[in-house]
PDB file of N, CA and C in Angstrom:
ATOM      1  N   UNK A   1     119.457 -60.042 -55.605  1.00  0.00           N
ATOM      2  CA  UNK A   1     117.954 -60.906 -55.436  1.00  0.00           C
ATOM      3  C   UNK A   1     116.932 -59.720 -55.527  1.00  0.00           C
ATOM      4  N   UNK A   2     117.439 -58.234 -56.152  1.00  0.00           N
ATOM      5  CA  UNK A   2     116.721 -57.482 -55.729  1.00  0.00           C
ATOM      6  C   UNK A   2     116.239 -57.797 -57.211  1.00  0.00           C
ATOM      7  N   UNK A   3     116.586 -58.177 -58.345  1.00  0.00           N
ATOM      8  CA  UNK A   3     116.420 -58.288 -59.738  1.00  0.00           C
ATOM      9  C   UNK A   3     115.300 -59.404 -59.710  1.00  0.00           C
ATOM     10  N   UNK A   4     115.634 -60.496 -58.900  1.00  0.00           N
ATOM     11  CA  UNK A   4     114.395 -61.356 -59.049  1.00  0.00           C
ATOM     12  C   UNK A   4     114.664 -62.073 -57.529  1.00  0.00           C
ATOM     13  N   UNK A   5     113.673 -62.042 -56.456  1.00  0.00           N
ATOM     14  CA  UNK A   5     113.485 -62.449 -55.110  1.00  0.00           C
ATOM     15  C   UNK A   5     113.700 -63.958 -55.034  1.00  0.00           C
ATOM     16  N   UNK A   6     113.117 -64.658 -56.287  1.00  0.00           N
ATOM     17  CA  UNK A   6     113.287 -66.107 -56.527  1.00  0.00           C
ATOM     18  C   UNK A   6     114.487 -67.079 -56.634  1.00  0.00           C
ATOM     19  N   UNK A   7     115.363 -65.843 -56.538  1.00  0.00           N
ATOM     20  CA  UNK A   7     116.701 -66.789 -56.673  1.00  0.00           C
ATOM     21  C   UNK A   7     117.408 -67.137 -55.319  1.00  0.00           C
ATOM     22  N   UNK A   8     116.883 -66.240 -54.729  1.00  0.00           N
ATOM     23  CA  UNK A   8     117.339 -66.100 -53.212  1.00  0.00           C
ATOM     24  C   UNK A   8     117.401 -67.860 -52.393  1.00  0.00           C
ATOM     25  N   UNK A   9     116.662 -68.386 -52.715  1.00  0.00           N
ATOM     26  CA  UNK A   9     116.337 -69.892 -52.317  1.00  0.00           C
ATOM     27  C   UNK A   9     117.827 -70.643 -52.929  1.00  0.00           C
ATOM     28  N   UNK A  10     117.758 -69.930 -53.930  1.00  0.00           N
ATOM     29  CA  UNK A  10     118.807 -71.087 -54.812  1.00  0.00           C
ATOM     30  C   UNK A  10     120.325 -70.705 -54.039  1.00  0.00           C
ATOM     31  N   UNK A  11     120.518 -70.042 -53.277  1.00  0.00           N
ATOM     32  CA  UNK A  11     122.101 -69.972 -52.793  1.00  0.00           C
ATOM     33  C   UNK A  11     122.185 -70.007 -51.424  1.00  0.00           C
ATOM     34  N   UNK A  12     122.929 -71.157 -50.861  1.00  0.00           N
ATOM     35  CA  UNK A  12     122.842 -71.721 -49.770  1.00  0.00           C
ATOM     36  C   UNK A  12     124.312 -71.531 -49.393  1.00  0.00           C
ATOM     37  N   UNK A  13     124.638 -71.336 -47.882  1.00  0.00           N
ATOM     38  CA  UNK A  13     126.090 -71.214 -47.819  1.00  0.00           C
ATOM     39  C   UNK A  13     126.674 -69.649 -47.957  1.00  0.00           C
ATOM     40  N   UNK A  14     127.923 -69.749 -47.842  1.00  0.00           N
ATOM     41  CA  UNK A  14     128.652 -68.747 -47.573  1.00  0.00           C
ATOM     42  C   UNK A  14     128.619 -67.731 -49.125  1.00  0.00           C
ATOM     43  N   UNK A  15     127.716 -66.496 -49.008  1.00  0.00           N
ATOM     44  CA  UNK A  15     127.691 -65.784 -50.260  1.00  0.00           C
ATOM     45  C   UNK A  15     129.087 -65.200 -51.079  1.00  0.00           C
ATOM     46  N   UNK A  16     130.043 -65.000 -49.761  1.00  0.00           N
ATOM     47  CA  UNK A  16     131.172 -64.684 -50.447  1.00  0.00           C
ATOM     48  C   UNK A  16     131.888 -65.860 -51.616  1.00  0.00           C
ATOM     49  N   UNK A  17     131.605 -66.809 -50.662  1.00  0.00           N
ATOM     50  CA  UNK A  17     132.378 -67.983 -51.530  1.00  0.00           C
ATOM     51  C   UNK A  17     131.728 -68.442 -52.829  1.00  0.00           C
ATOM     52  N   UNK A  18     130.223 -68.291 -52.870  1.00  0.00           N
ATOM     53  CA  UNK A  18     129.634 -68.382 -54.291  1.00  0.00           C
ATOM     54  C   UNK A  18     130.367 -67.375 -55.080  1.00  0.00           C
ATOM     55  N   UNK A  19     129.924 -66.152 -54.536  1.00  0.00           N
ATOM     56  CA  UNK A  19     130.890 -65.151 -55.637  1.00  0.00           C
ATOM     57  C   UNK A  19     131.511 -65.570 -56.404  1.00  0.00           C
ATOM     58  N   UNK A  20     133.050 -66.175 -55.620  1.00  0.00           N
ATOM     59  CA  UNK A  20     134.408 -66.437 -56.155  1.00  0.00           C
ATOM     60  C   UNK A  20     133.903 -67.637 -56.681  1.00  0.00           C
ATOM     61  N   UNK A  21     133.323 -68.590 -56.459  1.00  0.00           N
ATOM     62  CA  UNK A  21     132.880 -69.634 -57.516  1.00  0.00           C
ATOM     63  C   UNK A  21     132.517 -69.325 -58.811  1.00  0.00           C
ATOM     64  N   UNK A  22     131.334 -68.496 -58.784  1.00  0.00           N
ATOM     65  CA  UNK A  22     130.861 -67.507 -60.248  1.00  0.00           C
ATOM     66  C   UNK A  22     131.957 -66.698 -60.733  1.00  0.00           C
ATOM     67  N   UNK A  23     132.883 -65.926 -60.201  1.00  0.00           N
ATOM     68  CA  UNK A  23     133.771 -65.280 -60.686  1.00  0.00           C
ATOM     69  C   UNK A  23     134.599 -66.254 -61.312  1.00  0.00           C
ATOM     70  N   UNK A  24     134.935 -67.404 -60.618  1.00  0.00           N
ATOM     71  CA  UNK A  24     135.893 -68.378 -61.399  1.00  0.00           C
ATOM     72  C   UNK A  24     135.453 -69.169 -62.720  1.00  0.00           C
ATOM     73  N   UNK A  25     134.456 -69.269 -62.470  1.00  0.00           N
ATOM     74  CA  UNK A  25     133.296 -69.928 -63.667  1.00  0.00           C
ATOM     75  C   UNK A  25     133.570 -68.713 -64.927  1.00  0.00           C
ATOM     76  N   UNK A  26     133.451 -67.842 -64.552  1.00  0.00           N
ATOM     77  CA  UNK A  26     133.333 -67.119 -65.973  1.00  0.00           C
ATOM     78  C   UNK A  26     134.738 -66.487 -66.215  1.00  0.00           C
ATOM     79  N   UNK A  27     135.660 -66.516 -65.420  1.00  0.00           N
ATOM     80  CA  UNK A  27     137.078 -66.262 -65.873  1.00  0.00           C
ATOM     81  C   UNK A  27     137.901 -67.237 -66.530  1.00  0.00           C
ATOM     82  N   UNK A  28     137.384 -68.652 -66.293  1.00  0.00           N
ATOM     83  CA  UNK A  28     137.828 -70.183 -66.981  1.00  0.00           C
ATOM     84  C   UNK A  28     136.682 -69.921 -68.265  1.00  0.00           C
ATOM     85  N   UNK A  29     135.597 -69.578 -67.968  1.00  0.00           N
ATOM     86  CA  UNK A  29     134.776 -69.832 -69.605  1.00  0.00           C
ATOM     87  C   UNK A  29     135.601 -68.668 -70.188  1.00  0.00           C
ATOM     88  N   UNK A  30     135.543 -67.421 -70.177  1.00  0.00           N
ATOM     89  CA  UNK A  30     136.298 -66.588 -71.434  1.00  0.00           C
ATOM     90  C   UNK A  30     137.449 -66.621 -71.449  1.00  0.00           C
ATOM     91  N   UNK A  31     138.274 -67.520 -70.818  1.00  0.00           N
ATOM     92  CA  UNK A  31     139.528 -67.979 -70.907  1.00  0.00           C
ATOM     93  C   UNK A  31     139.618 -68.824 -72.223  1.00  0.00           C
ATOM     94  N   UNK A  32     138.461 -69.468 -72.412  1.00  0.00           N
ATOM     95  CA  UNK A  32     138.258 -70.477 -73.299  1.00  0.00           C
ATOM     96  C   UNK A  32     137.406 -70.273 -74.398  1.00  0.00           C
ATOM     97  N   UNK A  33     136.948 -69.057 -74.683  1.00  0.00           N
ATOM     98  CA  UNK A  33     136.219 -68.798 -75.245  1.00  0.00           C
ATOM     99  C   UNK A  33     136.531 -68.922 -77.396  1.00  0.00           C
ATOM    100  N   UNK A  34     138.144 -69.434 -76.876  1.00  0.00           N
ATOM    101  CA  UNK A  34     138.488 -69.247 -78.181  1.00  0.00           C
ATOM    102  C   UNK A  34     138.650 -70.565 -78.583  1.00  0.00           C
ATOM    103  N   UNK A  35     137.925 -71.754 -77.686  1.00  0.00           N
ATOM    104  CA  UNK A  35     138.161 -72.832 -77.632  1.00  0.00           C
ATOM    105  C   UNK A  35     136.738 -72.987 -77.105  1.00  0.00           C
ATOM    106  N   UNK A  36     135.561 -72.895 -77.665  1.00  0.00           N
ATOM    107  CA  UNK A  36     134.206 -72.837 -77.134  1.00  0.00           C
ATOM    108  C   UNK A  36     133.778 -74.350 -77.174  1.00  0.00           C
ATOM    109  N   UNK A  37     134.014 -75.096 -78.391  1.00  0.00           N
ATOM    110  CA  UNK A  37     133.593 -76.687 -78.572  1.00  0.00           C
ATOM    111  C   UNK A  37     134.569 -77.490 -76.968  1.00  0.00           C
ATOM    112  N   UNK A  38     135.373 -76.781 -76.548  1.00  0.00           N
ATOM    113  CA  UNK A  38     135.691 -77.392 -75.304  1.00  0.00           C
ATOM    114  C   UNK A  38     135.208 -77.291 -74.311  1.00  0.00           C
ATOM    115  N   UNK A  39     134.491 -76.041 -74.073  1.00  0.00           N
ATOM    116  CA  UNK A  39     133.748 -75.909 -72.730  1.00  0.00           C
ATOM    117  C   UNK A  39     132.371 -76.446 -72.795  1.00  0.00           C
ATOM    118  N   UNK A  40     131.931 -76.983 -74.028  1.00  0.00           N
ATOM    119  CA  UNK A  40     130.408 -76.827 -74.013  1.00  0.00           C
ATOM    120  C   UNK A  40     130.622 -78.115 -73.444  1.00  0.00           C
ATOM    121  N   UNK A  41     131.044 -79.087 -73.005  1.00  0.00           N
ATOM    122  CA  UNK A  41     130.556 -80.466 -72.620  1.00  0.00           C
ATOM    123  C   UNK A  41     130.703 -79.980 -70.799  1.00  0.00           C
ATOM    124  N   UNK A  42     131.534 -79.654 -70.831  1.00  0.00           N
ATOM    125  CA  UNK A  42     131.495 -78.518 -69.253  1.00  0.00           C
ATOM    126  C   UNK A  42     130.231 -78.145 -68.850  1.00  0.00           C
ATOM    127  N   UNK A  43     130.440 -76.900 -69.769  1.00  0.00           N
ATOM    128  CA  UNK A  43     129.041 -76.457 -69.602  1.00  0.00           C
ATOM    129  C   UNK A  43     127.455 -77.309 -69.343  1.00  0.00           C
ATOM    130  N   UNK A  44     127.318 -77.763 -70.495  1.00  0.00           N
ATOM    131  CA  UNK A  44     126.475 -78.681 -70.125  1.00  0.00           C
ATOM    132  C   UNK A  44     126.221 -79.538 -68.942  1.00  0.00           C
ATOM    133  N   UNK A  45     127.056 -80.037 -68.203  1.00  0.00           N
ATOM    134  CA  UNK A  45     127.262 -80.879 -67.009  1.00  0.00           C
ATOM    135  C   UNK A  45     126.596 -79.687 -65.928  1.00  0.00           C
ATOM    136  N   UNK A  46     127.313 -78.292 -66.145  1.00  0.00           N
ATOM    137  CA  UNK A  46     126.874 -77.637 -64.753  1.00  0.00           C
ATOM    138  C   UNK A  46     125.469 -77.299 -65.258  1.00  0.00           C
ATOM    139  N   UNK A  47     125.015 -77.299 -66.232  1.00  0.00           N
ATOM    140  CA  UNK A  47     123.320 -76.666 -66.318  1.00  0.00           C
ATOM    141  C   UNK A  47     123.135 -78.204 -65.744  1.00  0.00           C
ATOM    142  N   UNK A  48     123.017 -79.049 -66.136  1.00  0.00           N
ATOM    143  CA  UNK A  48     122.409 -80.519 -65.240  1.00  0.00           C
ATOM    144  C   UNK A  48     122.480 -80.462 -63.842  1.00  0.00           C
ATOM    145  N   UNK A  49     123.651 -80.225 -63.387  1.00  0.00           N
ATOM    146  CA  UNK A  49     124.031 -79.807 -62.029  1.00  0.00           C
ATOM    147  C   UNK A  49     123.285 -78.568 -60.942  1.00  0.00           C
ATOM    148  N   UNK A  50     122.888 -77.619 -62.351  1.00  0.00           N
ATOM    149  CA  UNK A  50     122.426 -76.681 -61.340  1.00  0.00           C
ATOM    150  C   UNK A  50     120.487 -76.439 -61.614  1.00  0.00           C
ATOM    151  N   UNK A  51     120.363 -77.987 -62.732  1.00  0.00           N
ATOM    152  CA  UNK A  51     119.268 -78.262 -62.457  1.00  0.00           C
ATOM    153  C   UNK A  51     118.675 -78.718 -61.128  1.00  0.00           C
ATOM    154  N   UNK A  52     119.545 -79.739 -60.656  1.00  0.00           N
ATOM    155  CA  UNK A  52     119.042 -80.173 -59.405  1.00  0.00           C
ATOM    156  C   UNK A  52     119.041 -79.116 -58.501  1.00  0.00           C
ATOM    157  N   UNK A  53     119.374 -78.287 -58.193  1.00  0.00           N
ATOM    158  CA  UNK A  53     119.957 -76.882 -57.735  1.00  0.00           C
ATOM    159  C   UNK A  53     118.283 -76.450 -57.454  1.00  0.00           C
ATOM    160  N   UNK A  54     117.761 -76.385 -58.731  1.00  0.00           N
ATOM    161  CA  UNK A  54     116.694 -75.854 -58.944  1.00  0.00           C
ATOM    162  C   UNK A  54     116.448 -74.536 -59.797  1.00  0.00           C
ATOM    163  N   UNK A  55     117.401 -74.460 -60.603  1.00  0.00           N
ATOM    164  CA  UNK A  55     117.634 -73.399 -61.158  1.00  0.00           C
ATOM    165  C   UNK A  55     116.677 -73.734 -62.081  1.00  0.00           C
ATOM    166  N   UNK A  56     115.791 -72.576 -62.602  1.00  0.00           N
ATOM    167  CA  UNK A  56     115.062 -72.374 -63.940  1.00  0.00           C
ATOM    168  C   UNK A  56     115.698 -71.765 -65.304  1.00  0.00           C
ATOM    169  N   UNK A  57     114.841 -72.195 -66.310  1.00  0.00           N
ATOM    170  CA  UNK A  57     115.327 -71.115 -67.590  1.00  0.00           C
ATOM    171  C   UNK A  57     115.363 -69.494 -66.897  1.00  0.00           C
ATOM    172  N   UNK A  58     114.275 -69.337 -66.251  1.00  0.00           N
ATOM    173  CA  UNK A  58     113.993 -67.665 -66.241  1.00  0.00           C
ATOM    174  C   UNK A  58     115.141 -67.215 -65.151  1.00  0.00           C
ATOM    175  N   UNK A  59     115.819 -67.949 -64.511  1.00  0.00           N
ATOM    176  CA  UNK A  59     117.434 -67.698 -63.384  1.00  0.00           C
ATOM    177  C   UNK A  59     117.905 -67.596 -64.228  1.00  0.00           C
ATOM    178  N   UNK A  60     118.335 -67.602 -65.533  1.00  0.00           N
ATOM    179  CA  UNK A  60     119.355 -67.415 -66.576  1.00  0.00           C
ATOM    180  C   UNK A  60     119.261 -65.835 -66.799  1.00  0.00           C
ATOM    181  N   UNK A  61     118.144 -65.436 -67.024  1.00  0.00           N
ATOM    182  CA  UNK A  61     117.940 -63.831 -67.170  1.00  0.00           C
ATOM    183  C   UNK A  61     118.269 -62.848 -66.371  1.00  0.00           C
ATOM    184  N   UNK A  62     117.872 -63.636 -64.992  1.00  0.00           N
ATOM    185  CA  UNK A  62     117.876 -62.878 -63.772  1.00  0.00           C
ATOM    186  C   UNK A  62     119.350 -62.758 -63.591  1.00  0.00           C
ATOM    187  N   UNK A  63     120.628 -63.664 -63.634  1.00  0.00           N
ATOM    188  CA  UNK A  63     121.654 -63.433 -63.413  1.00  0.00           C
ATOM    189  C   UNK A  63     122.260 -62.674 -64.669  1.00  0.00           C
ATOM    190  N   UNK A  64     122.055 -62.668 -65.890  1.00  0.00           N
ATOM    191  CA  UNK A  64     122.336 -61.786 -67.013  1.00  0.00           C
ATOM    192  C   UNK A  64     122.290 -60.242 -66.109  1.00  0.00           C
ATOM    193  N   UNK A  65     120.870 -60.477 -66.078  1.00  0.00           N
ATOM    194  CA  UNK A  65     120.892 -58.685 -65.337  1.00  0.00           C
ATOM    195  C   UNK A  65     121.521 -58.523 -64.769  1.00  0.00           C
ATOM    196  N   UNK A  66     121.898 -59.232 -63.436  1.00  0.00           N
ATOM    197  CA  UNK A  66     122.453 -58.876 -62.278  1.00  0.00           C
ATOM    198  C   UNK A  66     124.085 -58.931 -62.698  1.00  0.00           C
ATOM    199  N   UNK A  67     124.699 -59.762 -63.509  1.00  0.00           N
ATOM    200  CA  UNK A  67     126.174 -59.491 -64.136  1.00  0.00           C
ATOM    201  C   UNK A  67     126.122 -58.060 -64.545  1.00  0.00           C
ATOM    202  N   UNK A  68     125.214 -57.965 -65.659  1.00  0.00           N
ATOM    203  CA  UNK A  68     125.249 -56.740 -66.520  1.00  0.00           C
ATOM    204  C   UNK A  68     125.532 -55.664 -65.630  1.00  0.00           C
ATOM    205  N   UNK A  69     124.522 -55.548 -64.525  1.00  0.00           N
ATOM    206  CA  UNK A  69     124.700 -54.430 -63.647  1.00  0.00           C
ATOM    207  C   UNK A  69     125.546 -53.984 -62.540  1.00  0.00           C
ATOM    208  N   UNK A  70     125.883 -55.304 -62.412  1.00  0.00           N
ATOM    209  CA  UNK A  70     127.211 -55.405 -61.429  1.00  0.00           C
ATOM    210  C   UNK A  70     128.610 -54.781 -62.196  1.00  0.00           C
ATOM    211  N   UNK A  71     129.032 -55.046 -63.790  1.00  0.00           N
ATOM    212  CA  UNK A  71     129.973 -54.784 -64.377  1.00  0.00           C
ATOM    213  C   UNK A  71     129.511 -53.084 -64.353  1.00  0.00           C
ATOM    214  N   UNK A  72     128.749 -52.683 -64.691  1.00  0.00           N
ATOM    215  CA  UNK A  72     128.155 -51.501 -65.119  1.00  0.00           C
ATOM    216  C   UNK A  72     128.408 -50.945 -64.151  1.00  0.00           C
ATOM    217  N   UNK A  73     127.855 -50.953 -62.565  1.00  0.00           N
ATOM    218  CA  UNK A  73     128.578 -50.167 -61.503  1.00  0.00           C
ATOM    219  C   UNK A  73     129.611 -50.206 -61.160  1.00  0.00           C
ATOM    220  N   UNK A  74     130.256 -51.262 -61.298  1.00  0.00           N
ATOM    221  CA  UNK A  74     131.724 -51.482 -60.775  1.00  0.00           C
ATOM    222  C   UNK A  74     132.800 -50.787 -61.562  1.00  0.00           C
ATOM    223  N   UNK A  75     132.766 -50.681 -62.840  1.00  0.00           N
ATOM    224  CA  UNK A  75     133.491 -50.070 -64.191  1.00  0.00           C
ATOM    225  C   UNK A  75     132.919 -48.803 -64.026  1.00  0.00           C
ATOM    226  N   UNK A  76     131.759 -48.441 -64.166  1.00  0.00           N
ATOM    227  CA  UNK A  76     131.482 -47.049 -64.345  1.00  0.00           C
ATOM    228  C   UNK A  76     131.300 -46.554 -65.921  1.00  0.00           C
ATOM    229  N   UNK A  77     132.265 -45.420 -66.010  1.00  0.00           N
ATOM    230  CA  UNK A  77     132.373 -45.208 -67.627  1.00  0.00           C
ATOM    231  C   UNK A  77     133.182 -46.037 -68.411  1.00  0.00           C
ATOM    232  N   UNK A  78     133.937 -47.111 -68.035  1.00  0.00           N
ATOM    233  CA  UNK A  78     134.637 -47.516 -68.652  1.00  0.00           C
ATOM    234  C   UNK A  78     134.109 -48.958 -69.356  1.00  0.00           C
ATOM    235  N   UNK A  79     132.812 -48.929 -68.734  1.00  0.00           N
ATOM    236  CA  UNK A  79     132.008 -50.076 -69.224  1.00  0.00           C
ATOM    237  C   UNK A  79     131.249 -49.777 -70.370  1.00  0.00           C
ATOM    238  N   UNK A  80     131.899 -49.287 -71.085  1.00  0.00           N
ATOM    239  CA  UNK A  80     131.461 -48.755 -72.691  1.00  0.00           C
ATOM    240  C   UNK A  80     129.644 -49.568 -72.897  1.00  0.00           C
ATOM    241  N   UNK A  81     129.365 -49.218 -73.868  1.00  0.00           N
ATOM    242  CA  UNK A  81     127.944 -49.970 -74.832  1.00  0.00           C
ATOM    243  C   UNK A  81     128.312 -51.247 -75.550  1.00  0.00           C
ATOM    244  N   UNK A  82     129.730 -50.946 -76.158  1.00  0.00           N
ATOM    245  CA  UNK A  82     130.393 -52.205 -76.560  1.00  0.00           C
ATOM    246  C   UNK A  82     130.603 -53.288 -75.787  1.00  0.00           C
ATOM    247  N   UNK A  83     131.349 -53.081 -74.531  1.00  0.00           N
ATOM    248  CA  UNK A  83     131.521 -54.099 -73.810  1.00  0.00           C
ATOM    249  C   UNK A  83     130.503 -54.539 -73.260  1.00  0.00           C
ATOM    250  N   UNK A  84     129.216 -53.847 -72.990  1.00  0.00           N
ATOM    251  CA  UNK A  84     127.751 -54.648 -72.248  1.00  0.00           C
ATOM    252  C   UNK A  84     127.700 -55.572 -73.723  1.00  0.00           C
ATOM    253  N   UNK A  85     127.893 -55.069 -74.734  1.00  0.00           N
ATOM    254  CA  UNK A  85     127.213 -55.922 -75.430  1.00  0.00           C
ATOM    255  C   UNK A  85     127.687 -57.328 -76.019  1.00  0.00           C
ATOM    256  N   UNK A  86     129.281 -57.180 -75.951  1.00  0.00           N
ATOM    257  CA  UNK A  86     129.938 -58.187 -75.272  1.00  0.00           C
ATOM    258  C   UNK A  86     129.671 -59.952 -74.766  1.00  0.00           C
ATOM    259  N   UNK A  87     129.544 -58.498 -73.152  1.00  0.00           N
ATOM    260  CA  UNK A  87     129.114 -59.480 -72.233  1.00  0.00           C
ATOM    261  C   UNK A  87     128.285 -60.413 -72.391  1.00  0.00           C
ATOM    262  N   UNK A  88     127.084 -59.567 -72.564  1.00  0.00           N
ATOM    263  CA  UNK A  88     125.610 -59.969 -72.927  1.00  0.00           C
ATOM    264  C   UNK A  88     125.966 -61.381 -73.995  1.00  0.00           C
ATOM    265  N   UNK A  89     126.464 -60.987 -74.711  1.00  0.00           N
ATOM    266  CA  UNK A  89     126.700 -62.137 -76.121  1.00  0.00           C
ATOM    267  C   UNK A  89     127.310 -63.096 -75.171  1.00  0.00           C
ATOM    268  N   UNK A  90     128.320 -62.941 -74.376  1.00  0.00           N
ATOM    269  CA  UNK A  90     129.265 -63.966 -73.712  1.00  0.00           C
ATOM    270  C   UNK A  90     128.259 -64.938 -73.044  1.00  0.00           C
ATOM    271  N   UNK A  91     127.503 -64.231 -72.374  1.00  0.00           N
ATOM    272  CA  UNK A  91     126.895 -65.064 -71.130  1.00  0.00           C
ATOM    273  C   UNK A  91     125.936 -65.591 -72.321  1.00  0.00           C
ATOM    274  N   UNK A  92     124.976 -64.681 -72.589  1.00  0.00           N
ATOM    275  CA  UNK A  92     124.002 -65.656 -73.642  1.00  0.00           C
ATOM    276  C   UNK A  92     124.121 -67.392 -73.902  1.00  0.00           C
ATOM    277  N   UNK A  93     125.229 -66.908 -74.421  1.00  0.00           N
ATOM    278  CA  UNK A  93     126.220 -68.044 -75.204  1.00  0.00           C
ATOM    279  C   UNK A  93     126.192 -69.447 -73.933  1.00  0.00           C
ATOM    280  N   UNK A  94     126.893 -68.924 -73.004  1.00  0.00           N
ATOM    281  CA  UNK A  94     126.894 -69.673 -71.945  1.00  0.00           C
ATOM    282  C   UNK A  94     125.999 -70.272 -71.205  1.00  0.00           C
ATOM    283  N   UNK A  95     124.710 -69.478 -71.075  1.00  0.00           N
ATOM    284  CA  UNK A  95     123.400 -69.875 -70.474  1.00  0.00           C
ATOM    285  C   UNK A  95     123.209 -70.961 -71.595  1.00  0.00           C
ATOM    286  N   UNK A  96     122.678 -70.532 -72.668  1.00  0.00           N
ATOM    287  CA  UNK A  96     122.148 -71.538 -73.631  1.00  0.00           C
ATOM    288  C   UNK A  96     122.820 -72.804 -73.460  1.00  0.00           C
ATOM    289  N   UNK A  97     124.008 -72.938 -73.597  1.00  0.00           N
ATOM    290  CA  UNK A  97     124.630 -73.908 -73.637  1.00  0.00           C
ATOM    291  C   UNK A  97     124.173 -75.021 -72.325  1.00  0.00           C
ATOM    292  N   UNK A  98     124.562 -73.985 -71.082  1.00  0.00           N
ATOM    293  CA  UNK A  98     123.637 -74.810 -70.017  1.00  0.00           C
ATOM    294  C   UNK A  98     122.755 -75.243 -69.824  1.00  0.00           C
ATOM    295  N   UNK A  99     121.648 -74.422 -70.028  1.00  0.00           N
ATOM    296  CA  UNK A  99     120.315 -74.680 -70.374  1.00  0.00           C
ATOM    297  C   UNK A  99     119.884 -75.885 -71.477  1.00  0.00           C
ATOM    298  N   UNK A 100     120.392 -75.960 -72.270  1.00  0.00           N
ATOM    299  CA  UNK A 100     119.962 -77.262 -73.136  1.00  0.00           C
ATOM    300  C   UNK A 100     121.012 -78.554 -72.464  1.00  0.00           C
ATOM    301  N   UNK A 101     122.200 -78.112 -71.763  1.00  0.00           N
ATOM    302  CA  UNK A 101     122.628 -79.341 -71.022  1.00  0.00           C
ATOM    303  C   UNK A 101     121.503 -79.901 -70.214  1.00  0.00           C
ATOM    304  N   UNK A 102     120.912 -78.875 -69.604  1.00  0.00           N
ATOM    305  CA  UNK A 102     120.137 -79.606 -68.201  1.00  0.00           C
ATOM    306  C   UNK A 102     119.092 -80.170 -68.987  1.00  0.00           C
ATOM    307  N   UNK A 103     118.742 -80.066 -70.110  1.00  0.00           N
ATOM    308  CA  UNK A 103     117.661 -81.276 -70.644  1.00  0.00           C
ATOM    309  C   UNK A 103     117.983 -82.205 -71.230  1.00  0.00           C
ATOM    310  N   UNK A 104     119.430 -82.355 -71.168  1.00  0.00           N
ATOM    311  CA  UNK A 104     119.833 -83.755 -71.579  1.00  0.00           C
ATOM    312  C   UNK A 104     120.084 -84.882 -70.711  1.00  0.00           C
ATOM    313  N   UNK A 105     119.994 -85.978 -70.926  1.00  0.00           N
ATOM    314  CA  UNK A 105     119.911 -87.128 -69.980  1.00  0.00           C
ATOM    315  C   UNK A 105     121.570 -87.000 -69.439  1.00  0.00           C
ATOM    316  N   UNK A 106     121.776 -87.213 -68.124  1.00  0.00           N
ATOM    317  CA  UNK A 106     123.331 -87.028 -67.784  1.00  0.00           C
ATOM    318  C   UNK A 106     123.990 -87.814 -68.425  1.00  0.00           C
ATOM    319  N   UNK A 107     125.270 -87.116 -68.502  1.00  0.00           N
ATOM    320  CA  UNK A 107     126.204 -88.114 -69.248  1.00  0.00           C
ATOM    321  C   UNK A 107     126.616 -89.312 -68.510  1.00  0.00           C
ATOM    322  N   UNK A 108     126.814 -90.220 -69.553  1.00  0.00           N
ATOM    323  CA  UNK A 108     127.341 -90.985 -68.379  1.00  0.00           C
ATOM    324  C   UNK A 108     128.976 -91.739 -68.950  1.00  0.00           C
ATOM    325  N   UNK A 109     130.165 -91.737 -67.764  1.00  0.00           N
ATOM    326  CA  UNK A 109     131.188 -92.124 -68.172  1.00  0.00           C
ATOM    327  C   UNK A 109     131.373 -93.566 -68.226  1.00  0.00           C
ATOM    328  N   UNK A 110     132.576 -93.717 -69.206  1.00  0.00           N
ATOM    329  CA  UNK A 110     133.128 -95.503 -68.960  1.00  0.00           C
ATOM    330  C   UNK A 110     134.468 -94.996 -68.743  1.00  0.00           C
ATOM    331  N   UNK A 111     135.049 -96.165 -67.342  1.00  0.00           N
ATOM    332  CA  UNK A 111     136.202 -96.218 -67.083  1.00  0.00           C
ATOM    333  C   UNK A 111     136.946 -97.761 -67.427  1.00  0.00           C
ATOM    334  N   UNK A 112     138.116 -97.552 -68.118  1.00  0.00           N
ATOM    335  CA  UNK A 112     138.832 -98.612 -68.506  1.00  0.00           C
ATOM    336  C   UNK A 112     139.654 -99.035 -67.593  1.00  0.00           C
TER     337      UNK A 112
END
C-alpha cells in the first residue's frame, strides 16, 4: 500500500488469505507458461472479475512494482537482474491479458 495507497480499498477481508490466493495464481500461471494459450481464457475472466472489484489499469503497474520489490527483498542477492527482467516480463504478459479481458464482454457459457 506504500507504493499505491489507492489499492488499499481493493482488498477486503483477511490479507493473509489474499496473499495465499495471489501466490496460488502466480504458481499456476508460471506452471502454465509453456501453454500460455490455455491460460488466456482464464486470465481474461480474472480481468473481468477484477474490474468488478474496482481494479483500474494503473493498479496492475502498482502490483508489478510491489511484486518485484517483494521478490528483491525476500531473495536478496539471489534475485539477479536477469530474474527481475524475467519476472517483469511474465507479470506484464499476465496483466496485459487480464486488462484486455476486462474490456471484453463477459464470456457466456452454453450448457448441453
